């Protein structure tokens, strides 16, 4: 994302994404293969995060990161 030529993302955004990955995604869904990350996994994560007191905006931002990671994986299919 940071190497895009048209619309590179800012350093602060990269820091936020890295924080989301380290704090929320790796501990909760980091052991799952990318192919297993789907809507059910995301919904379960949002439920956990909401119960832990996270705001809806933060949950939305983290889910956006999940979508970007899943979309960045390229396979034969």
PDB file of N, CA and C in Angstrom:
ATOM      1  N   UNK A   1       0.817  -1.201   0.000  1.00  0.00           N
ATOM      2  CA  UNK A   1       0.000   0.000   0.000  1.00  0.00           C
ATOM      3  C   UNK A   1       0.863   1.269   0.000  1.00  0.00           C
ATOM      4  N   UNK A   2       1.970   1.243   0.688  1.00  0.00           N
ATOM      5  CA  UNK A   2       2.773   2.453   0.767  1.00  0.00           C
ATOM      6  C   UNK A   2       3.594   2.693  -0.496  1.00  0.00           C
ATOM      7  N   UNK A   3       3.696   1.704  -1.375  1.00  0.00           N
ATOM      8  CA  UNK A   3       4.472   1.862  -2.600  1.00  0.00           C
ATOM      9  C   UNK A   3       3.616   2.209  -3.808  1.00  0.00           C
ATOM     10  N   UNK A   4       2.345   2.501  -3.590  1.00  0.00           N
ATOM     11  CA  UNK A   4       1.471   2.879  -4.691  1.00  0.00           C
ATOM     12  C   UNK A   4       1.930   4.200  -5.297  1.00  0.00           C
ATOM     13  N   UNK A   5       1.859   4.301  -6.617  1.00  0.00           N
ATOM     14  CA  UNK A   5       2.306   5.535  -7.275  1.00  0.00           C
ATOM     15  C   UNK A   5       1.194   6.568  -7.373  1.00  0.00           C
ATOM     16  N   UNK A   6      -0.048   6.104  -7.561  1.00  0.00           N
ATOM     17  CA  UNK A   6      -1.143   7.056  -7.729  1.00  0.00           C
ATOM     18  C   UNK A   6      -1.577   7.683  -6.419  1.00  0.00           C
ATOM     19  N   UNK A   7      -1.879   6.861  -5.458  1.00  0.00           N
ATOM     20  CA  UNK A   7      -2.357   7.367  -4.173  1.00  0.00           C
ATOM     21  C   UNK A   7      -1.676   6.615  -3.038  1.00  0.00           C
ATOM     22  N   UNK A   8      -0.406   6.916  -2.779  1.00  0.00           N
ATOM     23  CA  UNK A   8       0.242   6.226  -1.652  1.00  0.00           C
ATOM     24  C   UNK A   8      -0.404   6.666  -0.337  1.00  0.00           C
ATOM     25  N   UNK A   9      -0.404   5.772   0.633  1.00  0.00           N
ATOM     26  CA  UNK A   9      -1.007   6.126   1.913  1.00  0.00           C
ATOM     27  C   UNK A   9       0.033   6.795   2.802  1.00  0.00           C
ATOM     28  N   UNK A  10      -0.426   7.594   3.727  1.00  0.00           N
ATOM     29  CA  UNK A  10       0.458   8.352   4.604  1.00  0.00           C
ATOM     30  C   UNK A  10       1.122   7.464   5.634  1.00  0.00           C
ATOM     31  N   UNK A  11       2.230   7.951   6.160  1.00  0.00           N
ATOM     32  CA  UNK A  11       2.972   7.229   7.190  1.00  0.00           C
ATOM     33  C   UNK A  11       2.120   7.012   8.446  1.00  0.00           C
ATOM     34  N   UNK A  12       1.277   7.971   8.792  1.00  0.00           N
ATOM     35  CA  UNK A  12       0.422   7.816   9.970  1.00  0.00           C
ATOM     36  C   UNK A  12      -0.616   6.720   9.760  1.00  0.00           C
ATOM     37  N   UNK A  13      -1.097   6.601   8.529  1.00  0.00           N
ATOM     38  CA  UNK A  13      -2.049   5.534   8.216  1.00  0.00           C
ATOM     39  C   UNK A  13      -1.362   4.181   8.314  1.00  0.00           C
ATOM     40  N   UNK A  14      -0.147   4.091   7.822  1.00  0.00           N
ATOM     41  CA  UNK A  14       0.625   2.852   7.914  1.00  0.00           C
ATOM     42  C   UNK A  14       0.845   2.478   9.374  1.00  0.00           C
ATOM     43  N   UNK A  15       1.142   3.462  10.204  1.00  0.00           N
ATOM     44  CA  UNK A  15       1.331   3.205  11.634  1.00  0.00           C
ATOM     45  C   UNK A  15       0.042   2.685  12.259  1.00  0.00           C
ATOM     46  N   UNK A  16      -1.100   3.254  11.869  1.00  0.00           N
ATOM     47  CA  UNK A  16      -2.384   2.788  12.384  1.00  0.00           C
ATOM     48  C   UNK A  16      -2.688   1.366  11.948  1.00  0.00           C
ATOM     49  N   UNK A  17      -2.456   1.083  10.665  1.00  0.00           N
ATOM     50  CA  UNK A  17      -2.681  -0.271  10.152  1.00  0.00           C
ATOM     51  C   UNK A  17      -1.798  -1.281  10.871  1.00  0.00           C
ATOM     52  N   UNK A  18      -0.538  -0.916  11.079  1.00  0.00           N
ATOM     53  CA  UNK A  18       0.396  -1.808  11.783  1.00  0.00           C
ATOM     54  C   UNK A  18      -0.082  -2.057  13.202  1.00  0.00           C
ATOM     55  N   UNK A  19      -0.581  -1.033  13.841  1.00  0.00           N
ATOM     56  CA  UNK A  19      -1.110  -1.171  15.194  1.00  0.00           C
ATOM     57  C   UNK A  19      -2.309  -2.112  15.220  1.00  0.00           C
ATOM     58  N   UNK A  20      -3.225  -1.969  14.264  1.00  0.00           N
ATOM     59  CA  UNK A  20      -4.384  -2.859  14.193  1.00  0.00           C
ATOM     60  C   UNK A  20      -3.952  -4.306  14.017  1.00  0.00           C
ATOM     61  N   UNK A  21      -2.975  -4.508  13.140  1.00  0.00           N
ATOM     62  CA  UNK A  21      -2.496  -5.868  12.883  1.00  0.00           C
ATOM     63  C   UNK A  21      -1.864  -6.458  14.136  1.00  0.00           C
ATOM     64  N   UNK A  22      -1.014  -5.692  14.796  1.00  0.00           N
ATOM     65  CA  UNK A  22      -0.307  -6.212  15.970  1.00  0.00           C
ATOM     66  C   UNK A  22      -1.207  -6.401  17.184  1.00  0.00           C
ATOM     67  N   UNK A  23      -2.136  -5.469  17.391  1.00  0.00           N
ATOM     68  CA  UNK A  23      -2.966  -5.528  18.596  1.00  0.00           C
ATOM     69  C   UNK A  23      -4.189  -6.417  18.450  1.00  0.00           C
ATOM     70  N   UNK A  24      -4.829  -6.392  17.290  1.00  0.00           N
ATOM     71  CA  UNK A  24      -6.103  -7.076  17.138  1.00  0.00           C
ATOM     72  C   UNK A  24      -6.062  -8.305  16.240  1.00  0.00           C
ATOM     73  N   UNK A  25      -5.420  -8.189  15.096  1.00  0.00           N
ATOM     74  CA  UNK A  25      -5.530  -9.260  14.106  1.00  0.00           C
ATOM     75  C   UNK A  25      -4.613 -10.447  14.392  1.00  0.00           C
ATOM     76  N   UNK A  26      -3.337 -10.189  14.633  1.00  0.00           N
ATOM     77  CA  UNK A  26      -2.433 -11.309  14.893  1.00  0.00           C
ATOM     78  C   UNK A  26      -2.845 -12.134  16.110  1.00  0.00           C
ATOM     79  N   UNK A  27      -3.212 -11.521  17.233  1.00  0.00           N
ATOM     80  CA  UNK A  27      -3.609 -12.348  18.379  1.00  0.00           C
ATOM     81  C   UNK A  27      -4.919 -13.109  18.169  1.00  0.00           C
ATOM     82  N   UNK A  28      -5.821 -12.582  17.359  1.00  0.00           N
ATOM     83  CA  UNK A  28      -7.144 -13.186  17.221  1.00  0.00           C
ATOM     84  C   UNK A  28      -7.312 -14.075  16.000  1.00  0.00           C
ATOM     85  N   UNK A  29      -6.797 -13.651  14.867  1.00  0.00           N
ATOM     86  CA  UNK A  29      -6.969 -14.458  13.658  1.00  0.00           C
ATOM     87  C   UNK A  29      -5.651 -14.716  12.941  1.00  0.00           C
ATOM     88  N   UNK A  30      -4.546 -14.414  13.586  1.00  0.00           N
ATOM     89  CA  UNK A  30      -3.235 -14.552  12.963  1.00  0.00           C
ATOM     90  C   UNK A  30      -2.838 -15.973  12.648  1.00  0.00           C
ATOM     91  N   UNK A  31      -3.385 -16.957  13.348  1.00  0.00           N
ATOM     92  CA  UNK A  31      -3.029 -18.351  13.104  1.00  0.00           C
ATOM     93  C   UNK A  31      -3.851 -18.994  11.988  1.00  0.00           C
ATOM     94  N   UNK A  32      -4.889 -18.312  11.541  1.00  0.00           N
ATOM     95  CA  UNK A  32      -5.739 -18.867  10.479  1.00  0.00           C
ATOM     96  C   UNK A  32      -5.093 -18.657   9.106  1.00  0.00           C
ATOM     97  N   UNK A  33      -5.241 -19.621   8.218  1.00  0.00           N
ATOM     98  CA  UNK A  33      -4.806 -19.373   6.842  1.00  0.00           C
ATOM     99  C   UNK A  33      -5.690 -18.297   6.205  1.00  0.00           C
ATOM    100  N   UNK A  34      -5.112 -17.542   5.299  1.00  0.00           N
ATOM    101  CA  UNK A  34      -5.860 -16.458   4.648  1.00  0.00           C
ATOM    102  C   UNK A  34      -7.141 -16.988   4.001  1.00  0.00           C
ATOM    103  N   UNK A  35      -7.071 -18.182   3.448  1.00  0.00           N
ATOM    104  CA  UNK A  35      -8.248 -18.741   2.774  1.00  0.00           C
ATOM    105  C   UNK A  35      -9.402 -18.999   3.738  1.00  0.00           C
ATOM    106  N   UNK A  36      -9.108 -19.065   5.039  1.00  0.00           N
ATOM    107  CA  UNK A  36     -10.144 -19.310   6.044  1.00  0.00           C
ATOM    108  C   UNK A  36     -10.765 -18.036   6.581  1.00  0.00           C
ATOM    109  N   UNK A  37     -10.188 -16.899   6.254  1.00  0.00           N
ATOM    110  CA  UNK A  37     -10.714 -15.627   6.749  1.00  0.00           C
ATOM    111  C   UNK A  37     -11.899 -15.237   5.876  1.00  0.00           C
ATOM    112  N   UNK A  38     -13.081 -15.253   6.486  1.00  0.00           N
ATOM    113  CA  UNK A  38     -14.307 -14.954   5.761  1.00  0.00           C
ATOM    114  C   UNK A  38     -15.217 -14.085   6.625  1.00  0.00           C
ATOM    115  N   UNK A  39     -16.445 -13.907   6.193  1.00  0.00           N
ATOM    116  CA  UNK A  39     -17.380 -13.052   6.935  1.00  0.00           C
ATOM    117  C   UNK A  39     -17.657 -13.572   8.337  1.00  0.00           C
ATOM    118  N   UNK A  40     -17.737 -14.871   8.503  1.00  0.00           N
ATOM    119  CA  UNK A  40     -18.001 -15.443   9.820  1.00  0.00           C
ATOM    120  C   UNK A  40     -16.870 -15.114  10.791  1.00  0.00           C
ATOM    121  N   UNK A  41     -15.643 -15.257  10.344  1.00  0.00           N
ATOM    122  CA  UNK A  41     -14.486 -14.933  11.182  1.00  0.00           C
ATOM    123  C   UNK A  41     -14.499 -13.450  11.533  1.00  0.00           C
ATOM    124  N   UNK A  42     -14.786 -12.604  10.556  1.00  0.00           N
ATOM    125  CA  UNK A  42     -14.830 -11.163  10.804  1.00  0.00           C
ATOM    126  C   UNK A  42     -15.941 -10.802  11.780  1.00  0.00           C
ATOM    127  N   UNK A  43     -17.098 -11.421  11.623  1.00  0.00           N
ATOM    128  CA  UNK A  43     -18.220 -11.150  12.523  1.00  0.00           C
ATOM    129  C   UNK A  43     -17.896 -11.571  13.950  1.00  0.00           C
ATOM    130  N   UNK A  44     -17.273 -12.722  14.097  1.00  0.00           N
ATOM    131  CA  UNK A  44     -16.884 -13.172  15.441  1.00  0.00           C
ATOM    132  C   UNK A  44     -15.874 -12.215  16.057  1.00  0.00           C
ATOM    133  N   UNK A  45     -14.931 -11.731  15.235  1.00  0.00           N
ATOM    134  CA  UNK A  45     -13.947 -10.784  15.760  1.00  0.00           C
ATOM    135  C   UNK A  45     -14.624  -9.487  16.193  1.00  0.00           C
ATOM    136  N   UNK A  46     -15.538  -8.973  15.380  1.00  0.00           N
ATOM    137  CA  UNK A  46     -16.242  -7.728  15.723  1.00  0.00           C
ATOM    138  C   UNK A  46     -17.007  -7.901  17.029  1.00  0.00           C
ATOM    139  N   UNK A  47     -17.626  -9.049  17.236  1.00  0.00           N
ATOM    140  CA  UNK A  47     -18.347  -9.317  18.475  1.00  0.00           C
ATOM    141  C   UNK A  47     -17.399  -9.262  19.667  1.00  0.00           C
ATOM    142  N   UNK A  48     -16.239  -9.902  19.552  1.00  0.00           N
ATOM    143  CA  UNK A  48     -15.243  -9.872  20.638  1.00  0.00           C
ATOM    144  C   UNK A  48     -14.761  -8.456  20.907  1.00  0.00           C
ATOM    145  N   UNK A  49     -14.450  -7.733  19.845  1.00  0.00           N
ATOM    146  CA  UNK A  49     -13.930  -6.378  19.999  1.00  0.00           C
ATOM    147  C   UNK A  49     -14.970  -5.448  20.604  1.00  0.00           C
ATOM    148  N   UNK A  50     -16.212  -5.598  20.203  1.00  0.00           N
ATOM    149  CA  UNK A  50     -17.287  -4.770  20.752  1.00  0.00           C
ATOM    150  C   UNK A  50     -17.488  -5.065  22.234  1.00  0.00           C
ATOM    151  N   UNK A  51     -17.443  -6.335  22.591  1.00  0.00           N
ATOM    152  CA  UNK A  51     -17.580  -6.701  24.002  1.00  0.00           C
ATOM    153  C   UNK A  51     -16.410  -6.188  24.825  1.00  0.00           C
ATOM    154  N   UNK A  52     -15.248  -6.029  24.189  1.00  0.00           N
ATOM    155  CA  UNK A  52     -14.073  -5.507  24.892  1.00  0.00           C
ATOM    156  C   UNK A  52     -14.104  -3.983  24.996  1.00  0.00           C
ATOM    157  N   UNK A  53     -15.131  -3.355  24.407  1.00  0.00           N
ATOM    158  CA  UNK A  53     -15.287  -1.912  24.538  1.00  0.00           C
ATOM    159  C   UNK A  53     -14.800  -1.107  23.348  1.00  0.00           C
ATOM    160  N   UNK A  54     -14.497  -1.759  22.249  1.00  0.00           N
ATOM    161  CA  UNK A  54     -14.030  -1.043  21.067  1.00  0.00           C
ATOM    162  C   UNK A  54     -15.181  -0.313  20.393  1.00  0.00           C
ATOM    163  N   UNK A  55     -14.855   0.822  19.801  1.00  0.00           N
ATOM    164  CA  UNK A  55     -15.882   1.608  19.128  1.00  0.00           C
ATOM    165  C   UNK A  55     -16.212   1.006  17.759  1.00  0.00           C
ATOM    166  N   UNK A  56     -17.396   1.285  17.255  1.00  0.00           N
ATOM    167  CA  UNK A  56     -17.755   0.798  15.920  1.00  0.00           C
ATOM    168  C   UNK A  56     -16.805   1.315  14.828  1.00  0.00           C
ATOM    169  N   UNK A  57     -16.337   2.538  14.964  1.00  0.00           N
ATOM    170  CA  UNK A  57     -15.416   3.112  13.977  1.00  0.00           C
ATOM    171  C   UNK A  57     -14.098   2.342  13.958  1.00  0.00           C
ATOM    172  N   UNK A  58     -13.582   1.993  15.131  1.00  0.00           N
ATOM    173  CA  UNK A  58     -12.338   1.242  15.199  1.00  0.00           C
ATOM    174  C   UNK A  58     -12.528  -0.140  14.589  1.00  0.00           C
ATOM    175  N   UNK A  59     -13.641  -0.785  14.895  1.00  0.00           N
ATOM    176  CA  UNK A  59     -13.938  -2.096  14.313  1.00  0.00           C
ATOM    177  C   UNK A  59     -14.007  -2.006  12.797  1.00  0.00           C
ATOM    178  N   UNK A  60     -14.647  -0.982  12.290  1.00  0.00           N
ATOM    179  CA  UNK A  60     -14.750  -0.777  10.847  1.00  0.00           C
ATOM    180  C   UNK A  60     -13.366  -0.603  10.224  1.00  0.00           C
ATOM    181  N   UNK A  61     -12.501   0.167  10.865  1.00  0.00           N
ATOM    182  CA  UNK A  61     -11.154   0.380  10.353  1.00  0.00           C
ATOM    183  C   UNK A  61     -10.356  -0.927  10.319  1.00  0.00           C
ATOM    184  N   UNK A  62     -10.479  -1.726  11.362  1.00  0.00           N
ATOM    185  CA  UNK A  62      -9.749  -2.992  11.410  1.00  0.00           C
ATOM    186  C   UNK A  62     -10.267  -3.938  10.333  1.00  0.00           C
ATOM    187  N   UNK A  63     -11.566  -3.979  10.128  1.00  0.00           N
ATOM    188  CA  UNK A  63     -12.135  -4.836   9.092  1.00  0.00           C
ATOM    189  C   UNK A  63     -11.666  -4.387   7.708  1.00  0.00           C
ATOM    190  N   UNK A  64     -11.501  -3.088   7.511  1.00  0.00           N
ATOM    191  CA  UNK A  64     -10.953  -2.600   6.244  1.00  0.00           C
ATOM    192  C   UNK A  64      -9.547  -3.149   6.017  1.00  0.00           C
ATOM    193  N   UNK A  65      -8.749  -3.199   7.080  1.00  0.00           N
ATOM    194  CA  UNK A  65      -7.400  -3.753   6.966  1.00  0.00           C
ATOM    195  C   UNK A  65      -7.471  -5.235   6.616  1.00  0.00           C
ATOM    196  N   UNK A  66      -8.389  -5.955   7.250  1.00  0.00           N
ATOM    197  CA  UNK A  66      -8.561  -7.381   6.937  1.00  0.00           C
ATOM    198  C   UNK A  66      -8.904  -7.547   5.464  1.00  0.00           C
ATOM    199  N   UNK A  67      -9.817  -6.745   4.973  1.00  0.00           N
ATOM    200  CA  UNK A  67     -10.213  -6.828   3.566  1.00  0.00           C
ATOM    201  C   UNK A  67      -9.036  -6.547   2.641  1.00  0.00           C
ATOM    202  N   UNK A  68      -8.208  -5.559   2.995  1.00  0.00           N
ATOM    203  CA  UNK A  68      -7.048  -5.244   2.162  1.00  0.00           C
ATOM    204  C   UNK A  68      -6.042  -6.386   2.153  1.00  0.00           C
ATOM    205  N   UNK A  69      -5.834  -6.998   3.299  1.00  0.00           N
ATOM    206  CA  UNK A  69      -4.881  -8.113   3.374  1.00  0.00           C
ATOM    207  C   UNK A  69      -5.386  -9.286   2.553  1.00  0.00           C
ATOM    208  N   UNK A  70      -6.653  -9.628   2.713  1.00  0.00           N
ATOM    209  CA  UNK A  70      -7.219 -10.750   1.964  1.00  0.00           C
ATOM    210  C   UNK A  70      -7.196 -10.450   0.467  1.00  0.00           C
ATOM    211  N   UNK A  71      -7.511  -9.223   0.084  1.00  0.00           N
ATOM    212  CA  UNK A  71      -7.525  -8.857  -1.329  1.00  0.00           C
ATOM    213  C   UNK A  71      -6.121  -8.830  -1.935  1.00  0.00           C
ATOM    214  N   UNK A  72      -5.105  -8.634  -1.109  1.00  0.00           N
ATOM    215  CA  UNK A  72      -3.747  -8.558  -1.632  1.00  0.00           C
ATOM    216  C   UNK A  72      -3.160  -9.917  -1.970  1.00  0.00           C
ATOM    217  N   UNK A  73      -3.792 -10.978  -1.488  1.00  0.00           N
ATOM    218  CA  UNK A  73      -3.297 -12.321  -1.757  1.00  0.00           C
ATOM    219  C   UNK A  73      -3.739 -12.734  -3.162  1.00  0.00           C
ATOM    220  N   UNK A  74      -2.791 -13.134  -3.959  1.00  0.00           N
ATOM    221  CA  UNK A  74      -3.090 -13.542  -5.322  1.00  0.00           C
ATOM    222  C   UNK A  74      -2.827 -15.039  -5.441  1.00  0.00           C
ATOM    223  N   UNK A  75      -3.805 -15.756  -5.985  1.00  0.00           N
ATOM    224  CA  UNK A  75      -3.609 -17.181  -6.215  1.00  0.00           C
ATOM    225  C   UNK A  75      -4.022 -17.535  -7.629  1.00  0.00           C
ATOM    226  N   UNK A  76      -3.946 -18.829  -7.976  1.00  0.00           N
ATOM    227  CA  UNK A  76      -4.279 -19.254  -9.330  1.00  0.00           C
ATOM    228  C   UNK A  76      -5.755 -19.079  -9.634  1.00  0.00           C
ATOM    229  N   UNK A  77      -6.628 -19.111  -8.644  1.00  0.00           N
ATOM    230  CA  UNK A  77      -8.060 -18.992  -8.875  1.00  0.00           C
ATOM    231  C   UNK A  77      -8.438 -17.548  -8.989  1.00  0.00           C
TER     232      UNK A  77
END
